[in-house]
Amino acid sequence: MELETSSDPGPSSGISARTEGDTTVLVLWGEVDAALREAASDAMAALAARGTTRPVVLDARDVTFIDSSGIAFILQVYMLGQETATPVLLRAPSPAVSEVLEMVGMGGRIPLEHAEATGRIG
């Protein structure tokens, strides 16, 4: 099943989902806040509907700002993974994401994707 969702309320922010091999990648970029609620809802619905335990990667390297609704989305994806025995990995979280995850006590709780899997170092 091909998974492809996207919503972009502004040219500089959004959430999209795509399939890379057997992995679902959720890409977050720009300002991830309440304005992206519909995109987050679409991505969660697509994840729930796929009915598989294939890995999910949250690519948060291009997030410049994240508020409580954005963190709630990341945590909902993580919790869904915990409930369904689906591996959920965080790909290169930006400093904005890392800082807020740390503030809410989730710093280091979501496993990081290995650098060699992304083709990027760091």
PDB file of N, CA and C in Angstrom:
ATOM      1  N   MET A   1       0.845  -1.182   0.000  1.00  0.00           N
ATOM      2  CA  MET A   1       0.000   0.000   0.000  1.00  0.00           C
ATOM      3  C   MET A   1       0.885   1.239   0.000  1.00  0.00           C
ATOM      4  N   GLU A   2       0.639   2.119  -0.921  1.00  0.00           N
ATOM      5  CA  GLU A   2       1.398   3.361  -1.005  1.00  0.00           C
ATOM      6  C   GLU A   2       0.758   4.391  -0.092  1.00  0.00           C
ATOM      7  N   LEU A   3       1.551   5.024   0.738  1.00  0.00           N
ATOM      8  CA  LEU A   3       1.062   6.015   1.686  1.00  0.00           C
ATOM      9  C   LEU A   3       1.607   7.359   1.271  1.00  0.00           C
ATOM     10  N   GLU A   4       0.738   8.286   1.019  1.00  0.00           N
ATOM     11  CA  GLU A   4       1.176   9.619   0.624  1.00  0.00           C
ATOM     12  C   GLU A   4       0.134  10.614   1.091  1.00  0.00           C
ATOM     13  N   THR A   5       0.462  11.416   2.083  1.00  0.00           N
ATOM     14  CA  THR A   5      -0.436  12.479   2.512  1.00  0.00           C
ATOM     15  C   THR A   5       0.383  13.736   2.632  1.00  0.00           C
ATOM     16  N   SER A   6      -0.272  14.855   2.472  1.00  0.00           N
ATOM     17  CA  SER A   6       0.444  16.110   2.582  1.00  0.00           C
ATOM     18  C   SER A   6      -0.550  17.230   2.848  1.00  0.00           C
ATOM     19  N   SER A   7      -0.142  18.176   3.654  1.00  0.00           N
ATOM     20  CA  SER A   7      -0.929  19.373   3.870  1.00  0.00           C
ATOM     21  C   SER A   7       0.045  20.487   4.181  1.00  0.00           C
ATOM     22  N   ASP A   8      -0.103  21.609   3.528  1.00  0.00           N
ATOM     23  CA  ASP A   8       0.849  22.694   3.673  1.00  0.00           C
ATOM     24  C   ASP A   8       0.114  24.021   3.766  1.00  0.00           C
ATOM     25  N   PRO A   9      -0.252  24.456   4.992  1.00  0.00           N
ATOM     26  CA  PRO A   9      -0.996  25.690   5.142  1.00  0.00           C
ATOM     27  C   PRO A   9      -0.178  26.924   4.811  1.00  0.00           C
ATOM     28  N   GLY A  10       1.111  26.804   4.734  1.00  0.00           N
ATOM     29  CA  GLY A  10       2.002  27.889   4.373  1.00  0.00           C
ATOM     30  C   GLY A  10       3.179  27.308   3.623  1.00  0.00           C
ATOM     31  N   PRO A  11       3.856  28.126   2.854  1.00  0.00           N
ATOM     32  CA  PRO A  11       4.946  27.597   2.046  1.00  0.00           C
ATOM     33  C   PRO A  11       6.137  27.109   2.862  1.00  0.00           C
ATOM     34  N   SER A  12       6.185  27.478   4.139  1.00  0.00           N
ATOM     35  CA  SER A  12       7.385  27.150   4.900  1.00  0.00           C
ATOM     36  C   SER A  12       7.157  26.150   6.028  1.00  0.00           C
ATOM     37  N   SER A  13       5.984  25.508   6.089  1.00  0.00           N
ATOM     38  CA  SER A  13       5.771  24.522   7.142  1.00  0.00           C
ATOM     39  C   SER A  13       4.808  23.448   6.672  1.00  0.00           C
ATOM     40  N   GLY A  14       4.915  22.264   7.309  1.00  0.00           N
ATOM     41  CA  GLY A  14       4.008  21.197   6.946  1.00  0.00           C
ATOM     42  C   GLY A  14       4.357  19.867   7.573  1.00  0.00           C
ATOM     43  N   ILE A  15       3.503  18.901   7.290  1.00  0.00           N
ATOM     44  CA  ILE A  15       3.699  17.509   7.682  1.00  0.00           C
ATOM     45  C   ILE A  15       3.309  16.681   6.472  1.00  0.00           C
ATOM     46  N   SER A  16       4.173  15.765   6.080  1.00  0.00           N
ATOM     47  CA  SER A  16       3.827  14.874   4.974  1.00  0.00           C
ATOM     48  C   SER A  16       4.242  13.458   5.344  1.00  0.00           C
ATOM     49  N   ALA A  17       3.620  12.501   4.682  1.00  0.00           N
ATOM     50  CA  ALA A  17       3.931  11.093   4.907  1.00  0.00           C
ATOM     51  C   ALA A  17       4.263  10.457   3.569  1.00  0.00           C
ATOM     52  N   ARG A  18       5.274   9.596   3.577  1.00  0.00           N
ATOM     53  CA  ARG A  18       5.634   8.867   2.367  1.00  0.00           C
ATOM     54  C   ARG A  18       6.185   7.509   2.761  1.00  0.00           C
ATOM     55  N   THR A  19       6.252   6.624   1.800  1.00  0.00           N
ATOM     56  CA  THR A  19       6.804   5.305   2.040  1.00  0.00           C
ATOM     57  C   THR A  19       8.193   5.235   1.431  1.00  0.00           C
ATOM     58  N   GLU A  20       9.166   4.770   2.212  1.00  0.00           N
ATOM     59  CA  GLU A  20      10.535   4.520   1.747  1.00  0.00           C
ATOM     60  C   GLU A  20      10.805   3.045   1.995  1.00  0.00           C
ATOM     61  N   GLY A  21      10.702   2.228   0.962  1.00  0.00           N
ATOM     62  CA  GLY A  21      10.873   0.787   1.149  1.00  0.00           C
ATOM     63  C   GLY A  21       9.771   0.261   2.043  1.00  0.00           C
ATOM     64  N   ASP A  22      10.152  -0.363   3.150  1.00  0.00           N
ATOM     65  CA  ASP A  22       9.145  -0.881   4.081  1.00  0.00           C
ATOM     66  C   ASP A  22       8.904   0.063   5.257  1.00  0.00           C
ATOM     67  N   THR A  23       9.390   1.294   5.154  1.00  0.00           N
ATOM     68  CA  THR A  23       9.292   2.264   6.241  1.00  0.00           C
ATOM     69  C   THR A  23       8.377   3.417   5.862  1.00  0.00           C
ATOM     70  N   THR A  24       7.546   3.836   6.794  1.00  0.00           N
ATOM     71  CA  THR A  24       6.748   5.044   6.614  1.00  0.00           C
ATOM     72  C   THR A  24       7.529   6.195   7.223  1.00  0.00           C
ATOM     73  N   VAL A  25       7.738   7.249   6.446  1.00  0.00           N
ATOM     74  CA  VAL A  25       8.464   8.419   6.919  1.00  0.00           C
ATOM     75  C   VAL A  25       7.498   9.591   7.017  1.00  0.00           C
ATOM     76  N   LEU A  26       7.401  10.142   8.211  1.00  0.00           N
ATOM     77  CA  LEU A  26       6.623  11.355   8.444  1.00  0.00           C
ATOM     78  C   LEU A  26       7.616  12.511   8.515  1.00  0.00           C
ATOM     79  N   VAL A  27       7.491  13.451   7.596  1.00  0.00           N
ATOM     80  CA  VAL A  27       8.410  14.579   7.522  1.00  0.00           C
ATOM     81  C   VAL A  27       7.708  15.810   8.084  1.00  0.00           C
ATOM     82  N   LEU A  28       8.365  16.453   9.049  1.00  0.00           N
ATOM     83  CA  LEU A  28       7.858  17.681   9.644  1.00  0.00           C
ATOM     84  C   LEU A  28       8.853  18.777   9.311  1.00  0.00           C
ATOM     85  N   TRP A  29       8.352  19.959   8.914  1.00  0.00           N
ATOM     86  CA  TRP A  29       9.271  21.050   8.610  1.00  0.00           C
ATOM     87  C   TRP A  29       8.632  22.394   8.955  1.00  0.00           C
ATOM     88  N   GLY A  30       9.515  23.364   9.168  1.00  0.00           N
ATOM     89  CA  GLY A  30       9.067  24.720   9.478  1.00  0.00           C
ATOM     90  C   GLY A  30       8.476  24.819  10.868  1.00  0.00           C
ATOM     91  N   GLU A  31       7.425  25.631  10.993  1.00  0.00           N
ATOM     92  CA  GLU A  31       6.760  25.844  12.274  1.00  0.00           C
ATOM     93  C   GLU A  31       5.663  24.798  12.456  1.00  0.00           C
ATOM     94  N   VAL A  32       5.911  23.842  13.344  1.00  0.00           N
ATOM     95  CA  VAL A  32       4.964  22.754  13.589  1.00  0.00           C
ATOM     96  C   VAL A  32       4.132  23.146  14.808  1.00  0.00           C
ATOM     97  N   ASP A  33       2.926  23.643  14.504  1.00  0.00           N
ATOM     98  CA  ASP A  33       2.057  24.155  15.556  1.00  0.00           C
ATOM     99  C   ASP A  33       0.609  23.833  15.237  1.00  0.00           C
ATOM    100  N   ALA A  34      -0.317  24.479  15.929  1.00  0.00           N
ATOM    101  CA  ALA A  34      -1.744  24.190  15.775  1.00  0.00           C
ATOM    102  C   ALA A  34      -2.250  24.406  14.352  1.00  0.00           C
ATOM    103  N   ALA A  35      -1.583  25.232  13.568  1.00  0.00           N
ATOM    104  CA  ALA A  35      -1.993  25.457  12.185  1.00  0.00           C
ATOM    105  C   ALA A  35      -1.883  24.178  11.347  1.00  0.00           C
ATOM    106  N   LEU A  36      -1.097  23.220  11.819  1.00  0.00           N
ATOM    107  CA  LEU A  36      -0.903  21.954  11.098  1.00  0.00           C
ATOM    108  C   LEU A  36      -1.775  20.835  11.659  1.00  0.00           C
ATOM    109  N   ARG A  37      -2.774  21.182  12.432  1.00  0.00           N
ATOM    110  CA  ARG A  37      -3.630  20.177  13.061  1.00  0.00           C
ATOM    111  C   ARG A  37      -4.249  19.225  12.034  1.00  0.00           C
ATOM    112  N   GLU A  38      -4.736  19.753  10.913  1.00  0.00           N
ATOM    113  CA  GLU A  38      -5.360  18.910   9.891  1.00  0.00           C
ATOM    114  C   GLU A  38      -4.332  17.964   9.258  1.00  0.00           C
ATOM    115  N   ALA A  39      -3.144  18.470   8.971  1.00  0.00           N
ATOM    116  CA  ALA A  39      -2.089  17.621   8.404  1.00  0.00           C
ATOM    117  C   ALA A  39      -1.703  16.520   9.381  1.00  0.00           C
ATOM    118  N   ALA A  40      -1.607  16.862  10.670  1.00  0.00           N
ATOM    119  CA  ALA A  40      -1.270  15.864  11.689  1.00  0.00           C
ATOM    120  C   ALA A  40      -2.362  14.814  11.788  1.00  0.00           C
ATOM    121  N   SER A  41      -3.601  15.259  11.733  1.00  0.00           N
ATOM    122  CA  SER A  41      -4.727  14.329  11.798  1.00  0.00           C
ATOM    123  C   SER A  41      -4.727  13.389  10.592  1.00  0.00           C
ATOM    124  N   ASP A  42      -4.468  13.926   9.411  1.00  0.00           N
ATOM    125  CA  ASP A  42      -4.396  13.098   8.194  1.00  0.00           C
ATOM    126  C   ASP A  42      -3.272  12.068   8.295  1.00  0.00           C
ATOM    127  N   ALA A  43      -2.123  12.491   8.800  1.00  0.00           N
ATOM    128  CA  ALA A  43      -0.983  11.571   8.933  1.00  0.00           C
ATOM    129  C   ALA A  43      -1.287  10.470   9.942  1.00  0.00           C
ATOM    130  N   MET A  44      -1.928  10.821  11.066  1.00  0.00           N
ATOM    131  CA  MET A  44      -2.282   9.809  12.064  1.00  0.00           C
ATOM    132  C   MET A  44      -3.298   8.819  11.499  1.00  0.00           C
ATOM    133  N   ALA A  45      -4.272   9.318  10.754  1.00  0.00           N
ATOM    134  CA  ALA A  45      -5.274   8.436  10.150  1.00  0.00           C
ATOM    135  C   ALA A  45      -4.622   7.479   9.157  1.00  0.00           C
ATOM    136  N   ALA A  46      -3.681   7.980   8.368  1.00  0.00           N
ATOM    137  CA  ALA A  46      -2.982   7.128   7.405  1.00  0.00           C
ATOM    138  C   ALA A  46      -2.166   6.062   8.121  1.00  0.00           C
ATOM    139  N   LEU A  47      -1.517   6.423   9.230  1.00  0.00           N
ATOM    140  CA  LEU A  47      -0.742   5.449  10.006  1.00  0.00           C
ATOM    141  C   LEU A  47      -1.648   4.377  10.596  1.00  0.00           C
ATOM    142  N   ALA A  48      -2.749   4.794  11.162  1.00  0.00           N
ATOM    143  CA  ALA A  48      -3.676   3.846  11.791  1.00  0.00           C
ATOM    144  C   ALA A  48      -4.289   2.908  10.756  1.00  0.00           C
ATOM    145  N   ALA A  49      -4.529   3.421   9.550  1.00  0.00           N
ATOM    146  CA  ALA A  49      -5.181   2.628   8.513  1.00  0.00           C
ATOM    147  C   ALA A  49      -4.240   1.634   7.832  1.00  0.00           C
ATOM    148  N   ARG A  50      -2.942   1.826   7.949  1.00  0.00           N
ATOM    149  CA  ARG A  50      -2.018   0.961   7.210  1.00  0.00           C
ATOM    150  C   ARG A  50      -1.952  -0.450   7.773  1.00  0.00           C
ATOM    151  N   GLY A  51      -2.335  -0.630   9.027  1.00  0.00           N
ATOM    152  CA  GLY A  51      -2.467  -1.956   9.605  1.00  0.00           C
ATOM    153  C   GLY A  51      -1.231  -2.828   9.522  1.00  0.00           C
ATOM    154  N   THR A  52      -0.107  -2.299   9.846  1.00  0.00           N
ATOM    155  CA  THR A  52       1.140  -3.053   9.776  1.00  0.00           C
ATOM    156  C   THR A  52       2.077  -2.615  10.887  1.00  0.00           C
ATOM    157  N   THR A  53       3.087  -3.413  11.141  1.00  0.00           N
ATOM    158  CA  THR A  53       4.089  -3.047  12.151  1.00  0.00           C
ATOM    159  C   THR A  53       5.393  -2.608  11.495  1.00  0.00           C
ATOM    160  N   ARG A  54       5.318  -2.202  10.227  1.00  0.00           N
ATOM    161  CA  ARG A  54       6.518  -1.672   9.569  1.00  0.00           C
ATOM    162  C   ARG A  54       6.989  -0.419  10.296  1.00  0.00           C
ATOM    163  N   PRO A  55       8.284  -0.172  10.311  1.00  0.00           N
ATOM    164  CA  PRO A  55       8.830   0.972  11.050  1.00  0.00           C
ATOM    165  C   PRO A  55       8.270   2.318  10.587  1.00  0.00           C
ATOM    166  N   VAL A  56       8.250   3.248  11.524  1.00  0.00           N
ATOM    167  CA  VAL A  56       7.856   4.629  11.257  1.00  0.00           C
ATOM    168  C   VAL A  56       9.030   5.508  11.661  1.00  0.00           C
ATOM    169  N   VAL A  57       9.411   6.432  10.780  1.00  0.00           N
ATOM    170  CA  VAL A  57      10.472   7.387  11.076  1.00  0.00           C
ATOM    171  C   VAL A  57       9.873   8.779  11.078  1.00  0.00           C
ATOM    172  N   LEU A  58      10.108   9.508  12.147  1.00  0.00           N
ATOM    173  CA  LEU A  58       9.711  10.917  12.248  1.00  0.00           C
ATOM    174  C   LEU A  58      10.927  11.758  11.874  1.00  0.00           C
ATOM    175  N   ASP A  59      10.903  12.359  10.703  1.00  0.00           N
ATOM    176  CA  ASP A  59      12.010  13.190  10.225  1.00  0.00           C
ATOM    177  C   ASP A  59      11.741  14.624  10.658  1.00  0.00           C
ATOM    178  N   ALA A  60      12.455  15.071  11.686  1.00  0.00           N
ATOM    179  CA  ALA A  60      12.212  16.388  12.276  1.00  0.00           C
ATOM    180  C   ALA A  60      13.409  17.312  12.134  1.00  0.00           C
ATOM    181  N   ARG A  61      14.262  17.049  11.169  1.00  0.00           N
ATOM    182  CA  ARG A  61      15.495  17.843  11.041  1.00  0.00           C
ATOM    183  C   ARG A  61      15.254  19.273  10.590  1.00  0.00           C
ATOM    184  N   ASP A  62      14.141  19.532   9.889  1.00  0.00           N
ATOM    185  CA  ASP A  62      13.894  20.870   9.357  1.00  0.00           C
ATOM    186  C   ASP A  62      12.825  21.645  10.122  1.00  0.00           C
ATOM    187  N   VAL A  63      12.567  21.235  11.361  1.00  0.00           N
ATOM    188  CA  VAL A  63      11.603  21.950  12.203  1.00  0.00           C
ATOM    189  C   VAL A  63      12.314  23.148  12.837  1.00  0.00           C
ATOM    190  N   THR A  64      11.747  24.345  12.609  1.00  0.00           N
ATOM    191  CA  THR A  64      12.342  25.561  13.167  1.00  0.00           C
ATOM    192  C   THR A  64      11.668  25.998  14.465  1.00  0.00           C
ATOM    193  N   PHE A  65      10.420  25.556  14.666  1.00  0.00           N
ATOM    194  CA  PHE A  65       9.660  25.876  15.868  1.00  0.00           C
ATOM    195  C   PHE A  65       8.650  24.757  16.075  1.00  0.00           C
ATOM    196  N   ILE A  66       8.417  24.386  17.329  1.00  0.00           N
ATOM    197  CA  ILE A  66       7.392  23.379  17.620  1.00  0.00           C
ATOM    198  C   ILE A  66       6.709  23.759  18.926  1.00  0.00           C
ATOM    199  N   ASP A  67       5.378  23.703  18.919  1.00  0.00           N
ATOM    200  CA  ASP A  67       4.635  24.017  20.138  1.00  0.00           C
ATOM    201  C   ASP A  67       4.038  22.738  20.716  1.00  0.00           C
ATOM    202  N   SER A  68       3.158  22.893  21.698  1.00  0.00           N
ATOM    203  CA  SER A  68       2.607  21.722  22.376  1.00  0.00           C
ATOM    204  C   SER A  68       1.807  20.820  21.438  1.00  0.00           C
ATOM    205  N   SER A  69       1.125  21.389  20.459  1.00  0.00           N
ATOM    206  CA  SER A  69       0.364  20.543  19.531  1.00  0.00           C
ATOM    207  C   SER A  69       1.300  19.738  18.635  1.00  0.00           C
ATOM    208  N   GLY A  70       2.432  20.303  18.260  1.00  0.00           N
ATOM    209  CA  GLY A  70       3.420  19.561  17.465  1.00  0.00           C
ATOM    210  C   GLY A  70       4.055  18.439  18.269  1.00  0.00           C
ATOM    211  N   ILE A  71       4.394  18.720  19.517  1.00  0.00           N
ATOM    212  CA  ILE A  71       4.958  17.685  20.389  1.00  0.00           C
ATOM    213  C   ILE A  71       3.903  16.613  20.649  1.00  0.00           C
ATOM    214  N   ALA A  72       2.648  17.027  20.812  1.00  0.00           N
ATOM    215  CA  ALA A  72       1.573  16.047  21.017  1.00  0.00           C
ATOM    216  C   ALA A  72       1.487  15.097  19.822  1.00  0.00           C
ATOM    217  N   PHE A  73       1.661  15.612  18.608  1.00  0.00           N
ATOM    218  CA  PHE A  73       1.640  14.762  17.414  1.00  0.00           C
ATOM    219  C   PHE A  73       2.773  13.732  17.474  1.00  0.00           C
ATOM    220  N   ILE A  74       3.979  14.190  17.772  1.00  0.00           N
ATOM    221  CA  ILE A  74       5.127  13.265  17.863  1.00  0.00           C
ATOM    222  C   ILE A  74       4.849  12.205  18.922  1.00  0.00           C
ATOM    223  N   LEU A  75       4.328  12.610  20.073  1.00  0.00           N
ATOM    224  CA  LEU A  75       4.059  11.657  21.148  1.00  0.00           C
ATOM    225  C   LEU A  75       2.923  10.699  20.789  1.00  0.00           C
ATOM    226  N   GLN A  76       1.922  11.167  20.031  1.00  0.00           N
ATOM    227  CA  GLN A  76       0.839  10.279  19.594  1.00  0.00           C
ATOM    228  C   GLN A  76       1.376   9.203  18.651  1.00  0.00           C
ATOM    229  N   VAL A  77       2.268   9.594  17.747  1.00  0.00           N
ATOM    230  CA  VAL A  77       2.876   8.610  16.837  1.00  0.00           C
ATOM    231  C   VAL A  77       3.677   7.598  17.653  1.00  0.00           C
ATOM    232  N   TYR A  78       4.444   8.093  18.615  1.00  0.00           N
ATOM    233  CA  TYR A  78       5.245   7.211  19.464  1.00  0.00           C
ATOM    234  C   TYR A  78       4.353   6.253  20.260  1.00  0.00           C
ATOM    235  N   MET A  79       3.270   6.777  20.845  1.00  0.00           N
ATOM    236  CA  MET A  79       2.357   5.939  21.638  1.00  0.00           C
ATOM    237  C   MET A  79       1.664   4.898  20.757  1.00  0.00           C
ATOM    238  N   LEU A  80       1.269   5.279  19.549  1.00  0.00           N
ATOM    239  CA  LEU A  80       0.664   4.324  18.625  1.00  0.00           C
ATOM    240  C   LEU A  80       1.656   3.198  18.335  1.00  0.00           C
ATOM    241  N   GLY A  81       2.912   3.559  18.166  1.00  0.00           N
ATOM    242  CA  GLY A  81       3.955   2.549  17.954  1.00  0.00           C
ATOM    243  C   GLY A  81       4.082   1.617  19.145  1.00  0.00           C
ATOM    244  N   GLN A  82       4.036   2.167  20.344  1.00  0.00           N
ATOM    245  CA  GLN A  82       4.126   1.346  21.549  1.00  0.00           C
ATOM    246  C   GLN A  82       2.940   0.381  21.641  1.00  0.00           C
ATOM    247  N   GLU A  83       1.753   0.874  21.309  1.00  0.00           N
ATOM    248  CA  GLU A  83       0.535   0.059  21.406  1.00  0.00           C
ATOM    249  C   GLU A  83       0.474  -1.043  20.356  1.00  0.00           C
ATOM    250  N   THR A  84       1.103  -0.821  19.192  1.00  0.00           N
ATOM    251  CA  THR A  84       1.008  -1.773  18.080  1.00  0.00           C
ATOM    252  C   THR A  84       2.319  -2.512  17.809  1.00  0.00           C
ATOM    253  N   ALA A  85       3.300  -2.368  18.703  1.00  0.00           N
ATOM    254  CA  ALA A  85       4.623  -2.989  18.530  1.00  0.00           C
ATOM    255  C   ALA A  85       5.275  -2.563  17.219  1.00  0.00           C
ATOM    256  N   THR A  86       5.082  -1.294  16.857  1.00  0.00           N
ATOM    257  CA  THR A  86       5.680  -0.715  15.658  1.00  0.00           C
ATOM    258  C   THR A  86       6.883   0.120  16.068  1.00  0.00           C
ATOM    259  N   PRO A  87       8.054  -0.166  15.504  1.00  0.00           N
ATOM    260  CA  PRO A  87       9.215   0.670  15.826  1.00  0.00           C
ATOM    261  C   PRO A  87       9.004   2.107  15.346  1.00  0.00           C
ATOM    262  N   VAL A  88       9.218   3.072  16.228  1.00  0.00           N
ATOM    263  CA  VAL A  88       9.147   4.489  15.881  1.00  0.00           C
ATOM    264  C   VAL A  88      10.509   5.095  16.186  1.00  0.00           C
ATOM    265  N   LEU A  89      11.095   5.720  15.172  1.00  0.00           N
ATOM    266  CA  LEU A  89      12.424   6.320  15.294  1.00  0.00           C
ATOM    267  C   LEU A  89      12.352   7.798  14.971  1.00  0.00           C
ATOM    268  N   LEU A  90      13.221   8.568  15.590  1.00  0.00           N
ATOM    269  CA  LEU A  90      13.320   9.999  15.350  1.00  0.00           C
ATOM    270  C   LEU A  90      14.554  10.247  14.495  1.00  0.00           C
ATOM    271  N   ARG A  91      14.361  10.898  13.348  1.00  0.00           N
ATOM    272  CA  ARG A  91      15.477  11.180  12.436  1.00  0.00           C
ATOM    273  C   ARG A  91      15.973  12.606  12.641  1.00  0.00           C
ATOM    274  N   ALA A  92      17.198  12.730  13.092  1.00  0.00           N
ATOM    275  CA  ALA A  92      17.896  14.013  13.183  1.00  0.00           C
ATOM    276  C   ALA A  92      17.032  15.153  13.700  1.00  0.00           C
ATOM    277  N   PRO A  93      16.496  15.048  14.924  1.00  0.00           N
ATOM    278  CA  PRO A  93      15.635  16.127  15.418  1.00  0.00           C
ATOM    279  C   PRO A  93      16.390  17.447  15.508  1.00  0.00           C
ATOM    280  N   SER A  94      15.735  18.507  15.073  1.00  0.00           N
ATOM    281  CA  SER A  94      16.337  19.835  15.154  1.00  0.00           C
ATOM    282  C   SER A  94      16.488  20.228  16.621  1.00  0.00           C
ATOM    283  N   PRO A  95      17.319  21.234  16.891  1.00  0.00           N
ATOM    284  CA  PRO A  95      17.445  21.706  18.276  1.00  0.00           C
ATOM    285  C   PRO A  95      16.096  22.117  18.883  1.00  0.00           C
ATOM    286  N   ALA A  96      15.203  22.703  18.073  1.00  0.00           N
ATOM    287  CA  ALA A  96      13.889  23.112  18.584  1.00  0.00           C
ATOM    288  C   ALA A  96      13.117  21.903  19.095  1.00  0.00           C
ATOM    289  N   VAL A  97      13.130  20.809  18.347  1.00  0.00           N
ATOM    290  CA  VAL A  97      12.413  19.601  18.744  1.00  0.00           C
ATOM    291  C   VAL A  97      13.073  18.973  19.967  1.00  0.00           C
ATOM    292  N   SER A  98      14.382  18.819  19.921  1.00  0.00           N
ATOM    293  CA  SER A  98      15.107  18.208  21.039  1.00  0.00           C
ATOM    294  C   SER A  98      14.874  18.961  22.336  1.00  0.00           C
ATOM    295  N   GLU A  99      14.888  20.287  22.273  1.00  0.00           N
ATOM    296  CA  GLU A  99      14.716  21.116  23.469  1.00  0.00           C
ATOM    297  C   GLU A  99      13.333  20.912  24.088  1.00  0.00           C
ATOM    298  N   VAL A 100      12.293  20.909  23.272  1.00  0.00           N
ATOM    299  CA  VAL A 100      10.942  20.761  23.816  1.00  0.00           C
ATOM    300  C   VAL A 100      10.712  19.332  24.306  1.00  0.00           C
ATOM    301  N   LEU A 101      11.211  18.330  23.589  1.00  0.00           N
ATOM    302  CA  LEU A 101      11.099  16.956  24.090  1.00  0.00           C
ATOM    303  C   LEU A 101      11.776  16.823  25.446  1.00  0.00           C
ATOM    304  N   GLU A 102      12.917  17.461  25.600  1.00  0.00           N
ATOM    305  CA  GLU A 102      13.633  17.441  26.880  1.00  0.00           C
ATOM    306  C   GLU A 102      12.797  18.114  27.975  1.00  0.00           C
ATOM    307  N   MET A 103      12.169  19.238  27.636  1.00  0.00           N
ATOM    308  CA  MET A 103      11.366  19.978  28.614  1.00  0.00           C
ATOM    309  C   MET A 103      10.167  19.175  29.108  1.00  0.00           C
ATOM    310  N   VAL A 104       9.596  18.334  28.245  1.00  0.00           N
ATOM    311  CA  VAL A 104       8.421  17.549  28.652  1.00  0.00           C
ATOM    312  C   VAL A 104       8.800  16.172  29.190  1.00  0.00           C
ATOM    313  N   GLY A 105      10.105  15.956  29.390  1.00  0.00           N
ATOM    314  CA  GLY A 105      10.552  14.702  29.981  1.00  0.00           C
ATOM    315  C   GLY A 105      10.652  13.537  29.012  1.00  0.00           C
ATOM    316  N   MET A 106      10.651  13.817  27.710  1.00  0.00           N
ATOM    317  CA  MET A 106      10.736  12.752  26.708  1.00  0.00           C
ATOM    318  C   MET A 106      12.076  12.737  25.990  1.00  0.00           C
ATOM    319  N   GLY A 107      12.992  13.592  26.400  1.00  0.00           N
ATOM    320  CA  GLY A 107      14.315  13.620  25.777  1.00  0.00           C
ATOM    321  C   GLY A 107      14.981  12.262  25.887  1.00  0.00           C
ATOM    322  N   GLY A 108      15.395  11.707  24.756  1.00  0.00           N
ATOM    323  CA  GLY A 108      16.076  10.421  24.749  1.00  0.00           C
ATOM    324  C   GLY A 108      15.157   9.216  24.827  1.00  0.00           C
ATOM    325  N   ARG A 109      13.859   9.409  24.970  1.00  0.00           N
ATOM    326  CA  ARG A 109      12.923   8.280  25.073  1.00  0.00           C
ATOM    327  C   ARG A 109      12.575   7.685  23.721  1.00  0.00           C
ATOM    328  N   ILE A 110      12.491   8.534  22.686  1.00  0.00           N
ATOM    329  CA  ILE A 110      12.205   8.040  21.339  1.00  0.00           C
ATOM    330  C   ILE A 110      13.543   7.714  20.689  1.00  0.00           C
ATOM    331  N   PRO A 111      13.742   6.461  20.277  1.00  0.00           N
ATOM    332  CA  PRO A 111      15.033   6.077  19.709  1.00  0.00           C
ATOM    333  C   PRO A 111      15.370   6.891  18.457  1.00  0.00           C
ATOM    334  N   LEU A 112      16.653   7.193  18.305  1.00  0.00           N
ATOM    335  CA  LEU A 112      17.122   7.921  17.135  1.00  0.00           C
ATOM    336  C   LEU A 112      17.471   6.947  16.019  1.00  0.00           C
ATOM    337  N   GLU A 113      17.164   7.345  14.802  1.00  0.00           N
ATOM    338  CA  GLU A 113      17.560   6.564  13.637  1.00  0.00           C
ATOM    339  C   GLU A 113      19.076   6.711  13.484  1.00  0.00           C
ATOM    340  N   HIS A 114      19.748   5.621  13.125  1.00  0.00           N
ATOM    341  CA  HIS A 114      21.203   5.677  12.951  1.00  0.00           C
ATOM    342  C   HIS A 114      21.563   6.527  11.755  1.00  0.00           C
ATOM    343  N   ALA A 115      22.649   7.295  11.843  1.00  0.00           N
ATOM    344  CA  ALA A 115      23.077   8.209  10.784  1.00  0.00           C
ATOM    345  C   ALA A 115      23.279   7.488   9.457  1.00  0.00           C
ATOM    346  N   GLU A 116      23.778   6.242   9.486  1.00  0.00           N
ATOM    347  CA  GLU A 116      24.035   5.551   8.227  1.00  0.00           C
ATOM    348  C   GLU A 116      22.748   5.243   7.473  1.00  0.00           C
ATOM    349  N   ALA A 117      21.627   5.156   8.185  1.00  0.00           N
ATOM    350  CA  ALA A 117      20.353   4.875   7.524  1.00  0.00           C
ATOM    351  C   ALA A 117      19.845   6.098   6.755  1.00  0.00           C
ATOM    352  N   THR A 118      20.240   7.286   7.162  1.00  0.00           N
ATOM    353  CA  THR A 118      19.763   8.504   6.510  1.00  0.00           C
ATOM    354  C   THR A 118      20.719   8.971   5.431  1.00  0.00           C
ATOM    355  N   GLY A 119      21.925   8.420   5.430  1.00  0.00           N
ATOM    356  CA  GLY A 119      22.921   8.901   4.486  1.00  0.00           C
ATOM    357  C   GLY A 119      23.519  10.220   4.934  1.00  0.00           C
ATOM    358  N   ARG A 120      23.179  10.661   6.141  1.00  0.00           N
ATOM    359  CA  ARG A 120      23.690  11.917   6.671  1.00  0.00           C
ATOM    360  C   ARG A 120      24.489  11.642   7.932  1.00  0.00           C
ATOM    361  N   ILE A 121      25.398  12.486   8.204  1.00  0.00           N
ATOM    362  CA  ILE A 121      26.186  12.342   9.429  1.00  0.00           C
ATOM    363  C   ILE A 121      25.743  13.417  10.394  1.00  0.00           C
ATOM    364  N   GLY A 122      25.540  13.025  11.652  1.00  0.00           N
ATOM    365  CA  GLY A 122      25.194  14.000  12.673  1.00  0.00           C
ATOM    366  C   GLY A 122      23.747  14.090  12.966  1.00  0.00           C
TER     367      GLY A 122
END
